[in-house]
Amino acid sequence: MELFERIRRDHDRVGLSIRALARRHGVHRRTVRQALESAIPPERKCPEGRPAPALGPYYELIDSWLIADLQAPPKQRHTAKRIHQRLVEEHGAEVAETTVRDHVRRRRRELGLTAQAYCPQVHDPGVSAEVDWGEAKVIIAGVLMTVGLFVMRSCFSGACFVMAFETQSQQAFFEGHVAAFEFFSGVFGTLRYDNLKAAAK
């Protein structure tokens, strides 16, 4: 959608031709014509029911291996790579490993063989923040130079404080903390540092 907007804007404001727009945005001229006709991209056609001649005859066999794996110890279960090896060595299949890998991933989901786990991150307001240094190229008085960026980010709100320094010294590190605490109107109980030498000292 953004691409279509950029194409339409360049066409209206700059007056570029279809060929020039295609070259500028790295797309086919057909895409440029679609963007000029409508601001909304056409829906992509998904290939449904397309035959898989190379892997098709082995679908049931792969399923049987995956289902049998439920009774096997975790270290002895089939990986997609091992399934491909067995298909080639034992059954003479001529199929790409990536094809097997994609099929196995999809079938594991469909058969409910994949465990879905997640650990939600919950942060209370004003309790913790993350601190790190970054770098940026800036032009000061006409001179291109690299500055250190002190960054403190609240884990709860995602609000971010950034301050630039000429050097990433310990003095700048402390000064960044003071300015950040003033910005946040308080001090966090826990600060997490990303492997910083200045913090370790």
N, C-alpha and C. Protein backbone atom coordinates (compact mmCIF):
# COMPACT_ATOMS: atom_id res chain seq x y z
N MET A 1 0.82 -1.18 0.00
CA MET A 1 0.00 0.00 0.00
C MET A 1 0.87 1.26 0.00
N GLU A 2 1.95 1.24 0.84
CA GLU A 2 2.86 2.39 0.89
C GLU A 2 3.55 2.58 -0.46
N LEU A 3 3.94 1.47 -1.08
CA LEU A 3 4.59 1.53 -2.38
C LEU A 3 3.67 2.21 -3.39
N PHE A 4 2.40 1.83 -3.42
CA PHE A 4 1.44 2.44 -4.34
C PHE A 4 1.32 3.94 -4.08
N GLU A 5 1.30 4.33 -2.81
CA GLU A 5 1.20 5.76 -2.46
C GLU A 5 2.42 6.52 -2.96
N ARG A 6 3.62 5.91 -2.77
CA ARG A 6 4.85 6.59 -3.24
C ARG A 6 4.85 6.74 -4.75
N ILE A 7 4.41 5.69 -5.45
CA ILE A 7 4.36 5.74 -6.92
C ILE A 7 3.41 6.83 -7.38
N ARG A 8 2.22 6.88 -6.78
CA ARG A 8 1.22 7.89 -7.17
C ARG A 8 1.71 9.30 -6.86
N ARG A 9 2.39 9.46 -5.70
CA ARG A 9 2.90 10.78 -5.33
C ARG A 9 3.97 11.25 -6.31
N ASP A 10 4.91 10.33 -6.66
CA ASP A 10 5.96 10.70 -7.61
C ASP A 10 5.36 11.04 -8.98
N HIS A 11 4.32 10.34 -9.36
CA HIS A 11 3.69 10.60 -10.65
C HIS A 11 3.00 11.96 -10.66
N ASP A 12 2.30 12.28 -9.55
CA ASP A 12 1.57 13.55 -9.47
C ASP A 12 2.49 14.74 -9.29
N ARG A 13 3.46 14.62 -8.38
CA ARG A 13 4.31 15.78 -8.04
C ARG A 13 5.47 15.97 -9.00
N VAL A 14 6.13 14.86 -9.35
CA VAL A 14 7.33 14.96 -10.18
C VAL A 14 7.01 14.76 -11.65
N GLY A 15 5.90 14.08 -11.92
CA GLY A 15 5.51 13.86 -13.31
C GLY A 15 6.37 12.84 -14.03
N LEU A 16 6.84 11.82 -13.32
CA LEU A 16 7.69 10.80 -13.94
C LEU A 16 6.86 9.88 -14.84
N SER A 17 7.51 9.35 -15.85
CA SER A 17 6.84 8.41 -16.75
C SER A 17 6.73 7.05 -16.07
N ILE A 18 5.96 6.16 -16.68
CA ILE A 18 5.78 4.82 -16.12
C ILE A 18 7.12 4.09 -16.05
N ARG A 19 7.91 4.21 -17.10
CA ARG A 19 9.23 3.56 -17.12
C ARG A 19 10.13 4.12 -16.02
N ALA A 20 10.13 5.45 -15.85
CA ALA A 20 10.97 6.08 -14.82
C ALA A 20 10.50 5.69 -13.42
N LEU A 21 9.19 5.61 -13.23
CA LEU A 21 8.65 5.21 -11.93
C LEU A 21 9.03 3.76 -11.61
N ALA A 22 8.96 2.90 -12.62
CA ALA A 22 9.33 1.50 -12.42
C ALA A 22 10.80 1.38 -12.03
N ARG A 23 11.65 2.16 -12.70
CA ARG A 23 13.08 2.13 -12.40
C ARG A 23 13.35 2.68 -11.00
N ARG A 24 12.69 3.79 -10.64
CA ARG A 24 12.93 4.42 -9.34
C ARG A 24 12.51 3.51 -8.18
N HIS A 25 11.38 2.82 -8.32
CA HIS A 25 10.85 2.02 -7.22
C HIS A 25 11.21 0.53 -7.33
N GLY A 26 11.92 0.16 -8.39
CA GLY A 26 12.38 -1.22 -8.54
C GLY A 26 11.25 -2.21 -8.74
N VAL A 27 10.24 -1.82 -9.50
CA VAL A 27 9.09 -2.70 -9.76
C VAL A 27 8.86 -2.81 -11.27
N HIS A 28 7.97 -3.72 -11.64
CA HIS A 28 7.61 -3.91 -13.04
C HIS A 28 6.67 -2.77 -13.47
N ARG A 29 6.68 -2.46 -14.75
CA ARG A 29 5.80 -1.39 -15.26
C ARG A 29 4.33 -1.73 -15.04
N ARG A 30 4.01 -3.01 -15.05
CA ARG A 30 2.63 -3.44 -14.78
C ARG A 30 2.19 -2.99 -13.37
N THR A 31 3.11 -3.09 -12.40
CA THR A 31 2.80 -2.66 -11.03
C THR A 31 2.56 -1.16 -10.98
N VAL A 32 3.36 -0.40 -11.75
CA VAL A 32 3.18 1.05 -11.79
C VAL A 32 1.80 1.39 -12.35
N ARG A 33 1.41 0.70 -13.42
CA ARG A 33 0.08 0.95 -14.01
C ARG A 33 -1.03 0.64 -13.01
N GLN A 34 -0.87 -0.46 -12.25
CA GLN A 34 -1.87 -0.80 -11.24
C GLN A 34 -1.96 0.29 -10.18
N ALA A 35 -0.81 0.83 -9.78
CA ALA A 35 -0.80 1.89 -8.76
C ALA A 35 -1.46 3.16 -9.26
N LEU A 36 -1.28 3.47 -10.54
CA LEU A 36 -1.87 4.68 -11.09
C LEU A 36 -3.37 4.53 -11.30
N GLU A 37 -3.83 3.29 -11.50
CA GLU A 37 -5.27 3.04 -11.69
C GLU A 37 -6.01 3.05 -10.36
N SER A 38 -5.38 2.54 -9.31
CA SER A 38 -6.07 2.44 -8.02
C SER A 38 -5.06 2.56 -6.89
N ALA A 39 -5.47 3.23 -5.80
CA ALA A 39 -4.59 3.39 -4.64
C ALA A 39 -4.49 2.10 -3.84
N ILE A 40 -5.41 1.17 -4.06
CA ILE A 40 -5.42 -0.09 -3.32
C ILE A 40 -4.87 -1.20 -4.21
N PRO A 41 -3.82 -1.89 -3.74
CA PRO A 41 -3.25 -2.97 -4.55
C PRO A 41 -4.26 -4.10 -4.74
N PRO A 42 -4.21 -4.77 -5.91
CA PRO A 42 -5.11 -5.90 -6.13
C PRO A 42 -4.75 -7.06 -5.21
N GLU A 43 -5.74 -7.87 -4.87
CA GLU A 43 -5.48 -9.02 -4.01
C GLU A 43 -4.61 -10.03 -4.74
N ARG A 44 -3.68 -10.63 -3.99
CA ARG A 44 -2.80 -11.63 -4.58
C ARG A 44 -3.56 -12.94 -4.73
N LYS A 45 -3.30 -13.59 -5.83
CA LYS A 45 -3.93 -14.89 -6.07
C LYS A 45 -3.08 -15.98 -5.43
N CYS A 46 -3.69 -16.73 -4.53
CA CYS A 46 -2.98 -17.83 -3.89
C CYS A 46 -3.22 -19.11 -4.67
N PRO A 47 -2.15 -19.81 -5.04
CA PRO A 47 -2.34 -21.07 -5.76
C PRO A 47 -2.93 -22.11 -4.83
N GLU A 48 -4.15 -22.57 -5.12
CA GLU A 48 -4.81 -23.56 -4.28
C GLU A 48 -4.98 -24.86 -5.06
N GLY A 49 -4.74 -25.94 -4.37
CA GLY A 49 -4.94 -27.25 -4.99
C GLY A 49 -3.93 -27.59 -6.06
N ARG A 50 -2.78 -26.89 -6.05
CA ARG A 50 -1.77 -27.19 -7.06
C ARG A 50 -1.13 -28.54 -6.73
N PRO A 51 -0.98 -29.42 -7.70
CA PRO A 51 -0.42 -30.74 -7.39
C PRO A 51 1.06 -30.65 -7.00
N ALA A 52 1.50 -31.61 -6.18
CA ALA A 52 2.90 -31.71 -5.79
C ALA A 52 3.42 -33.04 -6.30
N PRO A 53 3.78 -33.09 -7.59
CA PRO A 53 4.11 -34.38 -8.18
C PRO A 53 5.30 -35.08 -7.54
N ALA A 54 6.30 -34.33 -7.08
CA ALA A 54 7.49 -34.98 -6.52
C ALA A 54 7.22 -35.56 -5.14
N LEU A 55 6.52 -34.82 -4.29
CA LEU A 55 6.33 -35.25 -2.91
C LEU A 55 4.98 -35.93 -2.68
N GLY A 56 4.04 -35.70 -3.58
CA GLY A 56 2.68 -36.22 -3.41
C GLY A 56 2.58 -37.68 -3.01
N PRO A 57 3.29 -38.60 -3.67
CA PRO A 57 3.17 -40.03 -3.33
C PRO A 57 3.65 -40.37 -1.92
N TYR A 58 4.36 -39.45 -1.27
CA TYR A 58 4.96 -39.76 0.03
C TYR A 58 4.25 -39.08 1.20
N TYR A 59 3.13 -38.40 0.95
CA TYR A 59 2.42 -37.70 2.00
C TYR A 59 2.03 -38.62 3.16
N GLU A 60 1.42 -39.77 2.83
CA GLU A 60 0.96 -40.69 3.88
C GLU A 60 2.13 -41.27 4.66
N LEU A 61 3.21 -41.57 3.97
CA LEU A 61 4.40 -42.11 4.63
C LEU A 61 4.98 -41.11 5.62
N ILE A 62 5.09 -39.85 5.20
CA ILE A 62 5.61 -38.80 6.08
C ILE A 62 4.71 -38.64 7.30
N ASP A 63 3.38 -38.64 7.07
CA ASP A 63 2.44 -38.53 8.20
C ASP A 63 2.64 -39.68 9.19
N SER A 64 2.83 -40.89 8.66
CA SER A 64 3.00 -42.04 9.56
C SER A 64 4.26 -41.89 10.40
N TRP A 65 5.34 -41.37 9.82
CA TRP A 65 6.57 -41.14 10.59
C TRP A 65 6.35 -40.09 11.67
N LEU A 66 5.66 -39.00 11.31
CA LEU A 66 5.43 -37.93 12.27
C LEU A 66 4.56 -38.39 13.43
N ILE A 67 3.53 -39.18 13.13
CA ILE A 67 2.64 -39.68 14.19
C ILE A 67 3.37 -40.70 15.06
N ALA A 68 4.19 -41.56 14.45
CA ALA A 68 4.97 -42.54 15.22
C ALA A 68 5.97 -41.85 16.15
N ASP A 69 6.43 -40.67 15.77
CA ASP A 69 7.38 -39.92 16.59
C ASP A 69 6.81 -39.55 17.95
N LEU A 70 5.48 -39.54 18.08
CA LEU A 70 4.87 -39.18 19.36
C LEU A 70 5.25 -40.19 20.44
N GLN A 71 5.50 -41.44 20.05
CA GLN A 71 5.87 -42.49 21.00
C GLN A 71 7.38 -42.59 21.19
N ALA A 72 8.15 -41.92 20.35
CA ALA A 72 9.61 -42.02 20.42
C ALA A 72 10.17 -40.98 21.39
N PRO A 73 11.35 -41.27 21.97
CA PRO A 73 12.01 -40.28 22.83
C PRO A 73 12.31 -39.02 22.00
N PRO A 74 12.28 -37.84 22.64
CA PRO A 74 12.48 -36.59 21.89
C PRO A 74 13.74 -36.56 21.03
N LYS A 75 14.84 -37.15 21.53
CA LYS A 75 16.10 -37.10 20.78
C LYS A 75 16.09 -38.01 19.56
N GLN A 76 15.11 -38.93 19.49
CA GLN A 76 15.08 -39.88 18.38
C GLN A 76 13.97 -39.58 17.38
N ARG A 77 13.34 -38.44 17.50
CA ARG A 77 12.27 -38.09 16.57
C ARG A 77 12.85 -37.56 15.27
N HIS A 78 12.06 -37.66 14.22
CA HIS A 78 12.50 -37.23 12.88
C HIS A 78 12.60 -35.71 12.79
N THR A 79 13.71 -35.27 12.24
CA THR A 79 13.79 -33.87 11.80
C THR A 79 13.40 -33.86 10.33
N ALA A 80 13.12 -32.68 9.81
CA ALA A 80 12.77 -32.59 8.39
C ALA A 80 13.94 -33.07 7.53
N LYS A 81 15.16 -32.80 7.98
CA LYS A 81 16.34 -33.24 7.22
C LYS A 81 16.41 -34.77 7.18
N ARG A 82 16.12 -35.40 8.33
CA ARG A 82 16.17 -36.86 8.39
C ARG A 82 15.07 -37.48 7.52
N ILE A 83 13.90 -36.85 7.51
CA ILE A 83 12.81 -37.35 6.66
C ILE A 83 13.23 -37.29 5.19
N HIS A 84 13.86 -36.19 4.81
CA HIS A 84 14.34 -36.07 3.43
C HIS A 84 15.36 -37.16 3.12
N GLN A 85 16.30 -37.39 4.04
CA GLN A 85 17.32 -38.42 3.83
C GLN A 85 16.68 -39.80 3.65
N ARG A 86 15.70 -40.12 4.49
CA ARG A 86 15.05 -41.43 4.39
C ARG A 86 14.28 -41.56 3.09
N LEU A 87 13.61 -40.50 2.66
CA LEU A 87 12.87 -40.55 1.40
C LEU A 87 13.82 -40.84 0.23
N VAL A 88 14.97 -40.19 0.25
CA VAL A 88 15.93 -40.36 -0.85
C VAL A 88 16.59 -41.73 -0.78
N GLU A 89 17.08 -42.11 0.42
CA GLU A 89 17.85 -43.35 0.55
C GLU A 89 16.98 -44.60 0.48
N GLU A 90 15.83 -44.58 1.16
CA GLU A 90 15.01 -45.80 1.27
C GLU A 90 13.96 -45.93 0.17
N HIS A 91 13.53 -44.78 -0.40
CA HIS A 91 12.42 -44.83 -1.35
C HIS A 91 12.78 -44.22 -2.72
N GLY A 92 14.02 -43.75 -2.85
CA GLY A 92 14.46 -43.22 -4.14
C GLY A 92 13.72 -41.96 -4.58
N ALA A 93 13.23 -41.19 -3.64
CA ALA A 93 12.48 -39.97 -3.98
C ALA A 93 13.42 -38.91 -4.56
N GLU A 94 12.95 -38.23 -5.57
CA GLU A 94 13.71 -37.12 -6.15
C GLU A 94 12.97 -35.84 -5.82
N VAL A 95 13.28 -35.31 -4.65
CA VAL A 95 12.58 -34.13 -4.15
C VAL A 95 13.58 -33.27 -3.37
N ALA A 96 13.39 -31.95 -3.44
CA ALA A 96 14.30 -31.02 -2.77
C ALA A 96 14.07 -31.05 -1.26
N GLU A 97 15.14 -30.84 -0.51
CA GLU A 97 15.02 -30.83 0.95
C GLU A 97 14.12 -29.69 1.42
N THR A 98 14.17 -28.55 0.77
CA THR A 98 13.33 -27.42 1.17
C THR A 98 11.84 -27.75 1.00
N THR A 99 11.52 -28.52 -0.04
CA THR A 99 10.13 -28.93 -0.26
C THR A 99 9.66 -29.81 0.89
N VAL A 100 10.52 -30.75 1.29
CA VAL A 100 10.19 -31.64 2.41
C VAL A 100 10.06 -30.83 3.70
N ARG A 101 10.99 -29.91 3.92
CA ARG A 101 10.98 -29.11 5.14
C ARG A 101 9.70 -28.30 5.25
N ASP A 102 9.28 -27.66 4.15
CA ASP A 102 8.05 -26.86 4.16
C ASP A 102 6.84 -27.74 4.44
N HIS A 103 6.80 -28.92 3.82
CA HIS A 103 5.66 -29.83 4.02
C HIS A 103 5.61 -30.32 5.47
N VAL A 104 6.76 -30.71 6.03
CA VAL A 104 6.81 -31.22 7.40
C VAL A 104 6.38 -30.14 8.39
N ARG A 105 6.84 -28.91 8.19
CA ARG A 105 6.44 -27.82 9.08
C ARG A 105 4.93 -27.63 9.05
N ARG A 106 4.36 -27.63 7.84
CA ARG A 106 2.91 -27.43 7.70
C ARG A 106 2.14 -28.59 8.32
N ARG A 107 2.58 -29.84 8.07
CA ARG A 107 1.87 -31.02 8.58
C ARG A 107 1.95 -31.10 10.10
N ARG A 108 3.08 -30.74 10.67
CA ARG A 108 3.19 -30.77 12.14
C ARG A 108 2.16 -29.83 12.77
N ARG A 109 1.98 -28.66 12.14
CA ARG A 109 0.97 -27.73 12.65
C ARG A 109 -0.43 -28.31 12.48
N GLU A 110 -0.71 -28.86 11.30
CA GLU A 110 -2.05 -29.39 11.01
C GLU A 110 -2.40 -30.59 11.89
N LEU A 111 -1.40 -31.42 12.21
CA LEU A 111 -1.63 -32.60 13.03
C LEU A 111 -1.56 -32.28 14.53
N GLY A 112 -1.27 -31.03 14.86
CA GLY A 112 -1.19 -30.62 16.27
C GLY A 112 0.01 -31.19 16.97
N LEU A 113 1.11 -31.37 16.23
CA LEU A 113 2.32 -31.95 16.82
C LEU A 113 3.32 -30.91 17.29
N THR A 114 3.03 -29.65 17.05
CA THR A 114 3.96 -28.61 17.49
C THR A 114 3.43 -28.00 18.78
N ALA A 115 4.32 -27.82 19.71
CA ALA A 115 3.94 -27.18 20.97
C ALA A 115 4.09 -25.68 20.81
N GLN A 116 3.05 -24.97 21.16
CA GLN A 116 3.11 -23.51 21.10
C GLN A 116 3.27 -22.98 22.51
N ALA A 117 4.37 -22.31 22.74
CA ALA A 117 4.62 -21.75 24.07
C ALA A 117 5.08 -20.32 23.94
N TYR A 118 4.71 -19.53 24.89
CA TYR A 118 5.18 -18.15 24.92
C TYR A 118 5.22 -17.69 26.36
N CYS A 119 6.03 -16.70 26.58
CA CYS A 119 6.17 -16.14 27.92
C CYS A 119 5.84 -14.66 27.83
N PRO A 120 4.67 -14.27 28.29
CA PRO A 120 4.30 -12.85 28.19
C PRO A 120 5.18 -11.99 29.09
N GLN A 121 5.61 -10.87 28.56
CA GLN A 121 6.39 -9.94 29.36
C GLN A 121 5.44 -8.91 29.96
N VAL A 122 5.40 -8.88 31.27
CA VAL A 122 4.53 -7.95 31.97
C VAL A 122 5.39 -7.06 32.83
N HIS A 123 5.25 -5.76 32.66
CA HIS A 123 6.04 -4.80 33.42
C HIS A 123 5.10 -3.84 34.13
N ASP A 124 5.41 -3.58 35.39
CA ASP A 124 4.63 -2.60 36.14
C ASP A 124 5.14 -1.20 35.83
N PRO A 125 4.28 -0.19 35.93
CA PRO A 125 4.68 1.19 35.61
C PRO A 125 5.80 1.68 36.53
N GLY A 126 6.80 2.29 35.92
CA GLY A 126 7.87 2.94 36.67
C GLY A 126 8.83 2.03 37.39
N VAL A 127 8.80 0.72 37.12
CA VAL A 127 9.62 -0.21 37.88
C VAL A 127 10.96 -0.47 37.20
N SER A 128 10.96 -0.69 35.89
CA SER A 128 12.20 -1.07 35.22
C SER A 128 12.39 -0.34 33.90
N ALA A 129 13.68 -0.23 33.52
CA ALA A 129 14.06 0.41 32.25
C ALA A 129 15.29 -0.28 31.70
N GLU A 130 15.52 -0.12 30.40
CA GLU A 130 16.70 -0.68 29.74
C GLU A 130 17.60 0.47 29.31
N VAL A 131 18.91 0.27 29.46
CA VAL A 131 19.89 1.32 29.14
C VAL A 131 20.92 0.77 28.17
N ASP A 132 21.29 1.58 27.18
CA ASP A 132 22.30 1.15 26.22
C ASP A 132 22.95 2.36 25.58
N TRP A 133 24.08 2.12 24.91
CA TRP A 133 24.73 3.13 24.09
C TRP A 133 24.49 2.78 22.62
N GLY A 134 24.37 3.80 21.80
CA GLY A 134 24.31 3.61 20.36
C GLY A 134 25.22 4.64 19.71
N GLU A 135 25.26 4.64 18.39
CA GLU A 135 26.08 5.62 17.65
C GLU A 135 25.25 6.21 16.52
N ALA A 136 25.60 7.42 16.16
CA ALA A 136 24.94 8.08 15.02
C ALA A 136 25.94 8.99 14.34
N LYS A 137 25.81 9.12 13.03
CA LYS A 137 26.61 10.07 12.25
C LYS A 137 25.84 11.37 12.17
N VAL A 138 26.45 12.46 12.58
CA VAL A 138 25.79 13.76 12.55
C VAL A 138 26.74 14.80 11.93
N ILE A 139 26.15 15.87 11.44
CA ILE A 139 26.95 16.97 10.90
C ILE A 139 26.84 18.13 11.88
N ILE A 140 27.96 18.50 12.48
CA ILE A 140 28.01 19.62 13.42
C ILE A 140 28.98 20.65 12.87
N ALA A 141 28.49 21.88 12.66
CA ALA A 141 29.30 22.97 12.09
C ALA A 141 29.93 22.54 10.78
N GLY A 142 29.18 21.79 9.97
CA GLY A 142 29.65 21.38 8.66
C GLY A 142 30.60 20.20 8.67
N VAL A 143 30.84 19.60 9.83
CA VAL A 143 31.77 18.47 9.93
C VAL A 143 31.00 17.20 10.27
N LEU A 144 31.22 16.14 9.49
CA LEU A 144 30.58 14.86 9.76
C LEU A 144 31.33 14.16 10.88
N MET A 145 30.62 13.79 11.94
CA MET A 145 31.27 13.12 13.07
C MET A 145 30.35 12.07 13.67
N THR A 146 30.95 11.17 14.42
CA THR A 146 30.19 10.12 15.09
C THR A 146 29.98 10.51 16.54
N VAL A 147 28.74 10.44 17.01
CA VAL A 147 28.44 10.75 18.41
C VAL A 147 27.89 9.50 19.08
N GLY A 148 28.05 9.46 20.40
CA GLY A 148 27.48 8.38 21.19
C GLY A 148 26.08 8.76 21.63
N LEU A 149 25.17 7.81 21.56
CA LEU A 149 23.79 8.07 21.96
C LEU A 149 23.48 7.27 23.23
N PHE A 150 23.21 7.97 24.32
CA PHE A 150 22.77 7.33 25.54
C PHE A 150 21.27 7.10 25.42
N VAL A 151 20.82 5.87 25.64
CA VAL A 151 19.41 5.54 25.46
C VAL A 151 18.88 4.88 26.73
N MET A 152 17.75 5.40 27.24
CA MET A 152 17.05 4.75 28.34
C MET A 152 15.60 4.58 27.91
N ARG A 153 15.09 3.33 28.02
CA ARG A 153 13.73 3.03 27.56
C ARG A 153 12.93 2.40 28.69
N SER A 154 11.75 2.93 28.95
CA SER A 154 10.86 2.38 29.96
C SER A 154 10.29 1.06 29.47
N CYS A 155 10.38 0.01 30.30
CA CYS A 155 9.87 -1.31 29.91
C CYS A 155 8.34 -1.32 29.87
N PHE A 156 7.69 -0.51 30.68
CA PHE A 156 6.23 -0.51 30.74
C PHE A 156 5.62 0.23 29.55
N SER A 157 6.03 1.47 29.36
CA SER A 157 5.38 2.30 28.33
C SER A 157 6.10 2.28 27.00
N GLY A 158 7.39 1.92 27.01
CA GLY A 158 8.16 1.98 25.77
C GLY A 158 8.68 3.38 25.49
N ALA A 159 8.37 4.33 26.40
CA ALA A 159 8.87 5.71 26.22
C ALA A 159 10.39 5.67 26.25
N CYS A 160 11.00 6.49 25.39
CA CYS A 160 12.44 6.41 25.21
C CYS A 160 13.08 7.79 25.37
N PHE A 161 14.21 7.83 26.10
CA PHE A 161 15.00 9.04 26.24
C PHE A 161 16.33 8.82 25.53
N VAL A 162 16.72 9.77 24.68
CA VAL A 162 17.98 9.66 23.94
C VAL A 162 18.74 10.97 24.09
N MET A 163 20.04 10.86 24.37
CA MET A 163 20.89 12.06 24.52
C MET A 163 22.23 11.79 23.84
N ALA A 164 22.69 12.74 23.05
CA ALA A 164 23.94 12.57 22.30
C ALA A 164 25.13 13.13 23.07
N PHE A 165 26.28 12.45 22.96
CA PHE A 165 27.53 12.88 23.61
C PHE A 165 28.67 12.73 22.61
N GLU A 166 29.70 13.56 22.79
CA GLU A 166 30.87 13.47 21.92
C GLU A 166 31.60 12.15 22.12
N THR A 167 31.66 11.68 23.39
CA THR A 167 32.33 10.42 23.69
C THR A 167 31.43 9.57 24.56
N GLN A 168 31.71 8.27 24.55
CA GLN A 168 30.95 7.36 25.39
C GLN A 168 31.74 7.10 26.67
N SER A 169 31.98 8.17 27.41
CA SER A 169 32.76 8.08 28.64
C SER A 169 31.85 7.79 29.83
N GLN A 170 32.49 7.47 30.96
CA GLN A 170 31.71 7.20 32.16
C GLN A 170 31.00 8.46 32.65
N GLN A 171 31.65 9.60 32.49
CA GLN A 171 31.02 10.86 32.89
C GLN A 171 29.75 11.11 32.06
N ALA A 172 29.84 10.87 30.75
CA ALA A 172 28.67 11.02 29.89
C ALA A 172 27.59 10.02 30.29
N PHE A 173 28.03 8.83 30.68
CA PHE A 173 27.11 7.78 31.11
C PHE A 173 26.29 8.24 32.31
N PHE A 174 26.97 8.80 33.31
CA PHE A 174 26.26 9.29 34.51
C PHE A 174 25.37 10.48 34.17
N GLU A 175 25.89 11.37 33.35
CA GLU A 175 25.11 12.56 32.96
C GLU A 175 23.85 12.14 32.21
N GLY A 176 23.96 11.11 31.37
CA GLY A 176 22.80 10.60 30.66
C GLY A 176 21.74 10.07 31.62
N HIS A 177 22.20 9.39 32.69
CA HIS A 177 21.25 8.88 33.69
C HIS A 177 20.48 10.02 34.36
N VAL A 178 21.23 11.05 34.77
CA VAL A 178 20.60 12.17 35.46
C VAL A 178 19.55 12.83 34.57
N ALA A 179 19.93 13.07 33.31
CA ALA A 179 19.00 13.72 32.37
C ALA A 179 17.79 12.82 32.10
N ALA A 180 18.03 11.52 32.01
CA ALA A 180 16.92 10.59 31.75
C ALA A 180 15.95 10.55 32.93
N PHE A 181 16.49 10.53 34.15
CA PHE A 181 15.62 10.50 35.33
C PHE A 181 14.80 11.78 35.42
N GLU A 182 15.39 12.91 35.02
CA GLU A 182 14.63 14.16 34.99
C GLU A 182 13.53 14.08 33.93
N PHE A 183 13.85 13.48 32.79
CA PHE A 183 12.87 13.33 31.72
C PHE A 183 11.69 12.47 32.17
N PHE A 184 12.00 11.35 32.87
CA PHE A 184 10.95 10.44 33.32
C PHE A 184 10.30 10.88 34.63
N SER A 185 10.81 11.95 35.23
CA SER A 185 10.29 12.48 36.51
C SER A 185 10.38 11.45 37.62
N GLY A 186 11.47 10.72 37.66
CA GLY A 186 11.66 9.74 38.72
C GLY A 186 12.75 8.76 38.37
N VAL A 187 13.03 7.86 39.34
CA VAL A 187 14.09 6.87 39.18
C VAL A 187 13.47 5.48 39.12
N PHE A 188 13.91 4.67 38.16
CA PHE A 188 13.43 3.30 38.05
C PHE A 188 14.10 2.44 39.13
N GLY A 189 13.35 1.50 39.66
CA GLY A 189 13.91 0.60 40.67
C GLY A 189 14.92 -0.37 40.09
N THR A 190 14.73 -0.75 38.84
CA THR A 190 15.63 -1.70 38.17
C THR A 190 16.04 -1.15 36.82
N LEU A 191 17.36 -1.16 36.57
CA LEU A 191 17.88 -0.78 35.25
C LEU A 191 18.61 -1.98 34.67
N ARG A 192 18.31 -2.29 33.42
CA ARG A 192 18.98 -3.41 32.73
C ARG A 192 19.95 -2.82 31.73
N TYR A 193 21.22 -3.27 31.81
CA TYR A 193 22.26 -2.77 30.92
C TYR A 193 22.63 -3.84 29.92
N ASP A 194 22.81 -3.42 28.67
CA ASP A 194 23.16 -4.36 27.61
C ASP A 194 24.67 -4.48 27.48
N ASN A 195 25.30 -5.22 28.40
CA ASN A 195 26.72 -5.54 28.29
C ASN A 195 27.58 -4.29 28.15
N LEU A 196 27.35 -3.30 29.00
CA LEU A 196 28.06 -2.03 28.90
C LEU A 196 29.29 -2.01 29.81
N LYS A 197 30.46 -1.63 29.27
CA LYS A 197 31.66 -1.51 30.08
C LYS A 197 31.50 -0.42 31.13
N ALA A 198 30.90 0.71 30.73
CA ALA A 198 30.73 1.82 31.66
C ALA A 198 29.88 1.40 32.85
N ALA A 199 28.87 0.58 32.61
CA ALA A 199 27.99 0.12 33.71
C ALA A 199 28.75 -0.88 34.58
N ALA A 200 29.57 -1.74 33.97
CA ALA A 200 30.32 -2.73 34.74
C ALA A 200 31.32 -2.06 35.67
N LYS A 201 31.96 -0.98 35.22
CA LYS A 201 32.91 -0.25 36.07
C LYS A 201 32.20 0.33 37.26
